[in-house]
Amino acid sequence: MKISHASVQLLNVPPRVVYESSGRSVTGYWHVLACVRTSDGVEGFGYVVALREAMARPITLAARELATELIGMDVLAHQAAWRKMARKGAW
């Protein structure tokens, strides 16, 4: 199976009650949500959660740019995908 589509979204999920953590008000849980779809229509999801938008937004932008590198790759080639994205991100 080959990867045919990859997308990344930034979502803010507000807590039921705002609370303090490390001296800051937590007003939302920022989720960087990645979706990968195969040529056979199988979808997979992954996410990262941050308490601050200032951390989640740059992660989202980087993930969106790197996601394009996955198109056409075999879904089972995890290490090859990691190496390709690491080279692209110069990490």
Protein backbone atom coordinates (compact mmCIF):
# COMPACT_ATOMS: atom_id res chain seq x y z
CA MET A 1 0.00 0.00 0.00
CA LYS A 2 1.23 3.44 -0.91
CA ILE A 3 0.51 6.72 0.86
CA SER A 4 -1.77 8.81 -1.35
CA HIS A 5 -2.65 11.67 0.99
CA ALA A 6 -1.26 13.26 4.15
CA SER A 7 -2.72 16.25 5.98
CA VAL A 8 -2.07 18.06 9.26
CA GLN A 9 -4.53 20.19 11.22
CA LEU A 10 -4.28 22.31 14.35
CA LEU A 11 -7.20 21.87 16.74
CA ASN A 12 -7.98 23.62 20.03
CA VAL A 13 -10.06 21.61 22.48
CA PRO A 14 -11.14 23.75 25.46
CA PRO A 15 -11.20 22.14 28.90
CA ARG A 16 -14.52 22.03 30.74
CA VAL A 17 -12.96 24.19 33.44
CA VAL A 18 -9.98 26.52 33.01
CA TYR A 19 -7.23 25.62 35.47
CA GLU A 20 -3.71 26.65 36.44
CA SER A 21 -0.62 24.63 35.54
CA SER A 22 2.93 25.84 36.18
CA GLY A 23 1.62 29.31 36.91
CA ARG A 24 -0.41 29.62 33.66
CA SER A 25 -4.08 29.35 32.89
CA VAL A 26 -4.84 26.36 30.69
CA THR A 27 -7.60 27.49 28.34
CA GLY A 28 -7.19 24.81 25.70
CA TYR A 29 -5.44 21.65 24.63
CA TRP A 30 -3.79 22.23 21.27
CA HIS A 31 -3.74 19.09 19.13
CA VAL A 32 -1.58 18.71 16.05
CA LEU A 33 -3.56 16.04 14.19
CA ALA A 34 -2.01 14.15 11.27
CA CYS A 35 -4.04 11.99 8.89
CA VAL A 36 -2.49 9.63 6.34
CA ARG A 37 -4.54 7.83 3.68
CA THR A 38 -3.39 4.96 1.48
CA SER A 39 -4.17 4.23 -2.15
CA ASP A 40 -6.50 1.48 -0.82
CA GLY A 41 -8.50 3.98 1.25
CA VAL A 42 -7.13 2.97 4.66
CA GLU A 43 -6.67 5.95 7.01
CA GLY A 44 -4.45 6.38 10.03
CA PHE A 45 -4.22 9.20 12.54
CA GLY A 46 -1.61 10.48 14.96
CA TYR A 47 -1.44 13.50 17.21
CA VAL A 48 0.65 15.59 19.55
CA VAL A 49 -0.87 17.64 22.37
CA ALA A 50 0.53 20.92 23.69
CA LEU A 51 -0.88 23.24 26.34
CA ARG A 52 0.17 26.37 24.47
CA GLU A 53 -0.61 27.49 20.94
CA ALA A 54 2.88 29.00 20.73
CA MET A 55 4.31 25.46 20.77
CA ALA A 56 1.65 23.74 18.66
CA ARG A 57 1.58 26.20 15.74
CA PRO A 58 5.24 25.74 14.62
CA ILE A 59 4.92 21.96 15.02
CA THR A 60 1.85 22.08 12.76
CA LEU A 61 3.63 24.12 10.10
CA ALA A 62 6.67 21.83 10.09
CA ALA A 63 4.52 18.69 9.99
CA ARG A 64 2.50 20.06 7.05
CA GLU A 65 5.65 20.71 5.07
CA LEU A 66 7.14 17.30 5.88
CA ALA A 67 3.87 15.42 5.20
CA THR A 68 4.24 16.04 1.47
CA GLU A 69 7.39 13.90 1.54
CA LEU A 70 5.30 10.82 2.43
CA ILE A 71 3.20 10.78 -0.74
CA GLY A 72 3.97 7.69 -2.82
CA MET A 73 5.87 5.88 -0.06
CA ASP A 74 5.08 2.37 1.14
CA VAL A 75 3.12 2.55 4.42
CA LEU A 76 5.35 -0.11 5.98
CA ALA A 77 8.59 1.75 5.20
CA HIS A 78 8.67 3.57 8.56
CA GLN A 79 12.43 4.00 8.78
CA ALA A 80 12.70 5.20 5.19
CA ALA A 81 9.94 7.75 5.84
CA TRP A 82 11.71 8.98 8.99
CA ARG A 83 15.03 9.33 7.16
CA LYS A 84 13.41 11.19 4.25
CA MET A 85 11.63 13.66 6.54
CA ALA A 86 14.72 14.12 8.73
CA ARG A 87 16.80 15.00 5.65
CA LYS A 88 14.12 17.40 4.40
CA GLY A 89 13.93 19.09 7.84
CA ALA A 90 17.75 19.11 8.13
CA TRP A 91 17.47 17.57 11.60
